[in-house]
Protein backbone atom coordinates (compact mmCIF):
# COMPACT_ATOMS: atom_id res chain seq x y z
CA UNK A 1 -0.81 54.96 30.97
CA UNK A 2 -0.44 57.81 28.49
CA UNK A 3 -3.46 58.59 26.38
CA UNK A 4 -2.32 58.72 22.71
CA UNK A 5 -4.57 61.73 22.15
CA UNK A 6 -2.62 63.79 24.70
CA UNK A 7 0.82 63.06 23.23
CA UNK A 8 2.41 66.09 21.68
CA UNK A 9 3.37 66.11 18.06
CA UNK A 10 6.77 67.31 16.90
CA UNK A 11 8.25 67.77 13.49
CA UNK A 12 11.96 67.10 13.11
CA UNK A 13 13.83 68.37 10.07
CA UNK A 14 16.98 66.56 9.01
CA UNK A 15 19.62 68.20 6.82
CA UNK A 16 22.55 66.65 4.95
CA UNK A 17 24.67 69.64 3.93
CA UNK A 18 26.16 69.76 0.46
CA UNK A 19 27.30 72.26 -2.11
CA UNK A 20 25.90 70.53 -5.20
CA UNK A 21 23.11 68.53 -3.57
CA UNK A 22 21.70 69.25 -0.11
CA UNK A 23 19.40 66.65 1.38
CA UNK A 24 16.45 67.47 3.59
CA UNK A 25 13.83 65.36 5.34
CA UNK A 26 10.93 65.89 7.70
CA UNK A 27 9.63 63.45 10.30
CA UNK A 28 6.42 63.72 12.27
CA UNK A 29 6.95 62.37 15.78
CA UNK A 30 4.06 61.47 18.06
CA UNK A 31 5.10 59.79 21.29
CA UNK A 32 7.43 56.94 20.39
CA UNK A 33 6.33 56.77 16.72
CA UNK A 34 7.95 58.50 13.77
CA UNK A 35 6.53 58.93 10.28
CA UNK A 36 8.21 60.47 7.26
CA UNK A 37 6.41 63.55 5.95
CA UNK A 38 8.71 64.52 3.09
CA UNK A 39 12.27 64.27 1.87
CA UNK A 40 14.27 65.34 -1.14
CA UNK A 41 17.29 67.21 -2.43
CA UNK A 42 18.03 70.81 -3.20
CA UNK A 43 19.94 70.84 -6.50
CA UNK A 44 22.64 73.47 -6.55
CA UNK A 45 24.89 72.41 -9.45
CA UNK A 46 23.35 74.86 -11.90
CA UNK A 47 24.45 77.93 -9.93
CA UNK A 48 27.77 79.25 -11.26
CA UNK A 49 29.32 80.52 -8.01
CA UNK A 50 29.62 79.19 -4.49
CA UNK A 51 28.03 82.38 -3.19
CA UNK A 52 24.95 81.90 -5.35
CA UNK A 53 24.68 78.32 -4.03
CA UNK A 54 24.83 79.60 -0.45
CA UNK A 55 22.06 82.10 -1.19
CA UNK A 56 19.88 79.35 -2.71
CA UNK A 57 20.54 77.09 0.32
CA UNK A 58 19.32 79.83 2.66
CA UNK A 59 16.29 80.53 0.49
CA UNK A 60 15.24 76.88 0.10
CA UNK A 61 15.87 75.82 3.73
CA UNK A 62 13.94 78.87 4.96
CA UNK A 63 11.12 77.99 2.55
CA UNK A 64 10.96 74.39 3.78
CA UNK A 65 10.96 75.61 7.38
CA UNK A 66 8.14 78.05 6.61
CA UNK A 67 6.14 75.30 4.88
CA UNK A 68 6.50 72.52 7.49
CA UNK A 69 7.23 74.48 10.71
CA UNK A 70 9.72 72.00 12.24
CA UNK A 71 10.17 72.08 16.01
CA UNK A 72 13.79 70.90 15.86
CA UNK A 73 16.54 70.53 13.27
CA UNK A 74 19.08 67.70 13.12
CA UNK A 75 22.03 68.35 10.83
CA UNK A 76 24.84 66.05 9.79
CA UNK A 77 28.27 67.33 10.76
CA UNK A 78 30.80 67.56 7.94
CA UNK A 79 33.30 64.73 7.92
CA UNK A 80 36.97 65.61 7.77
CA UNK A 81 38.33 64.94 4.29
CA UNK A 82 41.68 65.55 2.70
CA UNK A 83 40.57 68.43 0.47
CA UNK A 84 40.61 71.59 2.58
CA UNK A 85 38.72 73.67 -0.02
CA UNK A 86 35.90 71.11 -0.18
CA UNK A 87 35.67 71.07 3.62
CA UNK A 88 35.51 74.87 3.72
CA UNK A 89 32.69 74.95 1.15
CA UNK A 90 30.80 72.18 2.95
CA UNK A 91 31.19 74.00 6.28
CA UNK A 92 29.80 77.17 4.73
CA UNK A 93 26.80 75.25 3.34
CA UNK A 94 26.15 73.76 6.77
CA UNK A 95 26.50 77.18 8.40
CA UNK A 96 23.98 78.76 6.04
CA UNK A 97 21.47 75.96 6.73
CA UNK A 98 22.02 76.46 10.47
CA UNK A 99 21.46 80.22 10.07
CA UNK A 100 18.13 79.57 8.36
CA UNK A 101 17.01 77.54 11.39
CA UNK A 102 18.39 80.09 13.86
CA UNK A 103 16.48 82.84 12.04
CA UNK A 104 13.26 80.96 12.87
CA UNK A 105 14.33 80.18 16.48
CA UNK A 106 14.50 76.43 15.89
CA UNK A 107 16.81 74.37 18.13
CA UNK A 108 19.59 72.61 16.20
CA UNK A 109 21.46 69.41 17.02
CA UNK A 110 24.49 68.30 15.07
CA UNK A 111 25.33 64.61 14.62
CA UNK A 112 28.52 63.01 13.37
CA UNK A 113 27.97 60.68 10.38
CA UNK A 114 29.17 57.67 12.42
CA UNK A 115 26.64 58.42 15.15
CA UNK A 116 23.81 58.57 12.62
CA UNK A 117 24.90 55.32 10.98
CA UNK A 118 25.26 53.64 14.36
CA UNK A 119 21.84 54.83 15.52
CA UNK A 120 20.15 53.55 12.36
CA UNK A 121 22.07 50.32 11.64
CA UNK A 122 24.05 49.56 14.79
CA UNK A 123 27.25 49.98 12.74
CA UNK A 124 29.07 53.32 12.56
CA UNK A 125 30.80 52.19 9.36
CA UNK A 126 27.59 51.22 7.53
CA UNK A 127 27.22 52.16 3.86
CA UNK A 128 24.75 54.75 2.63
CA UNK A 129 22.76 51.90 1.04
CA UNK A 130 22.54 50.05 4.38
CA UNK A 131 21.29 53.21 6.11
CA UNK A 132 18.70 53.80 3.36
CA UNK A 133 17.52 50.17 3.54
CA UNK A 134 17.09 50.31 7.34
CA UNK A 135 15.19 53.61 7.15
CA UNK A 136 12.94 52.14 4.48
CA UNK A 137 12.08 49.23 6.78
CA UNK A 138 11.75 51.22 10.02
CA UNK A 139 9.60 53.95 8.50
CA UNK A 140 7.70 51.59 6.15
CA UNK A 141 8.55 53.60 3.04
CA UNK A 142 7.58 52.11 -0.32
CA UNK A 143 10.15 51.39 -3.05
CA UNK A 144 8.81 54.07 -5.39
CA UNK A 145 9.13 56.77 -2.73
CA UNK A 146 12.50 55.52 -1.46
CA UNK A 147 14.04 55.59 -4.94
CA UNK A 148 15.82 58.89 -4.33
CA UNK A 149 19.37 60.15 -3.91
CA UNK A 150 21.45 59.28 -0.86
CA UNK A 151 21.63 62.96 0.13
CA UNK A 152 17.92 62.78 0.95
CA UNK A 153 18.22 59.50 2.85
CA UNK A 154 21.22 60.89 4.75
CA UNK A 155 19.02 63.81 5.85
CA UNK A 156 16.30 61.34 6.81
CA UNK A 157 18.94 59.44 8.81
CA UNK A 158 19.87 62.62 10.71
CA UNK A 159 16.21 63.26 11.55
CA UNK A 160 15.64 59.64 12.62
CA UNK A 161 18.82 59.63 14.71
CA UNK A 162 17.49 62.73 16.47
CA UNK A 163 14.15 61.00 17.03
CA UNK A 164 16.00 58.09 18.68
CA UNK A 165 18.03 60.49 20.82
CA UNK A 166 14.88 62.37 21.90
CA UNK A 167 13.86 59.30 23.91
CA UNK A 168 17.14 59.18 25.81
CA UNK A 169 17.70 61.52 28.73
CA UNK A 170 20.95 63.43 28.51
CA UNK A 171 23.33 62.37 31.26
CA UNK A 172 24.27 64.97 33.81
CA UNK A 173 27.79 65.60 34.94
CA UNK A 174 31.02 66.53 33.18
CA UNK A 175 31.23 66.66 29.41
CA UNK A 176 32.78 63.67 27.67
CA UNK A 177 36.37 64.07 26.55
CA UNK A 178 36.23 61.73 23.54
CA UNK A 179 33.82 60.28 20.99
CA UNK A 180 34.17 56.81 22.54
CA UNK A 181 33.39 58.15 26.00
CA UNK A 182 30.42 60.09 24.62
CA UNK A 183 29.04 57.02 22.80
CA UNK A 184 29.58 54.78 25.82
CA UNK A 185 27.72 57.24 28.06
CA UNK A 186 24.71 56.86 25.76
CA UNK A 187 24.88 53.09 25.47
CA UNK A 188 26.21 53.10 21.90
CA UNK A 189 28.85 50.53 20.94
CA UNK A 190 31.84 51.86 19.00
């Protein structure tokens, strides 16, 4: 039997990339228990150019990393929308956040939005409200703390999804050729 005192502690940072609001969250993980440390949003709407927003993303994510010293970063992958310019800007925002983690030698794992939703709610098509409600229950977060924007709860969802995945060994063998095959190999219903 494992002695709880000998279990290592990890901090997982979750990031929900955005160009006007970027969500972040930090979870403390000890053994098979997770506890929210902090979460919030980086407000970028006041910066007049996309380049200034990217600079602020790098500055703020690096600052959060330096403050909390996460061991791993989980970042939500951009979903494919119809507006190519929006996708390009979102991809740049995600890339800058990833660079901030790389600069501090922190391992990064990217999760598709459906995978995060499925890990949290059991439904890959769950609403942001459903994800937030499940996280509130699972992490025992009070109403006054949970009353925050969905960008922050999406980041918390990425971190919690990573926590769930940490307990699952990665299967060996050939890489999966599709999302359904990947999910099935990890016991996730799609």
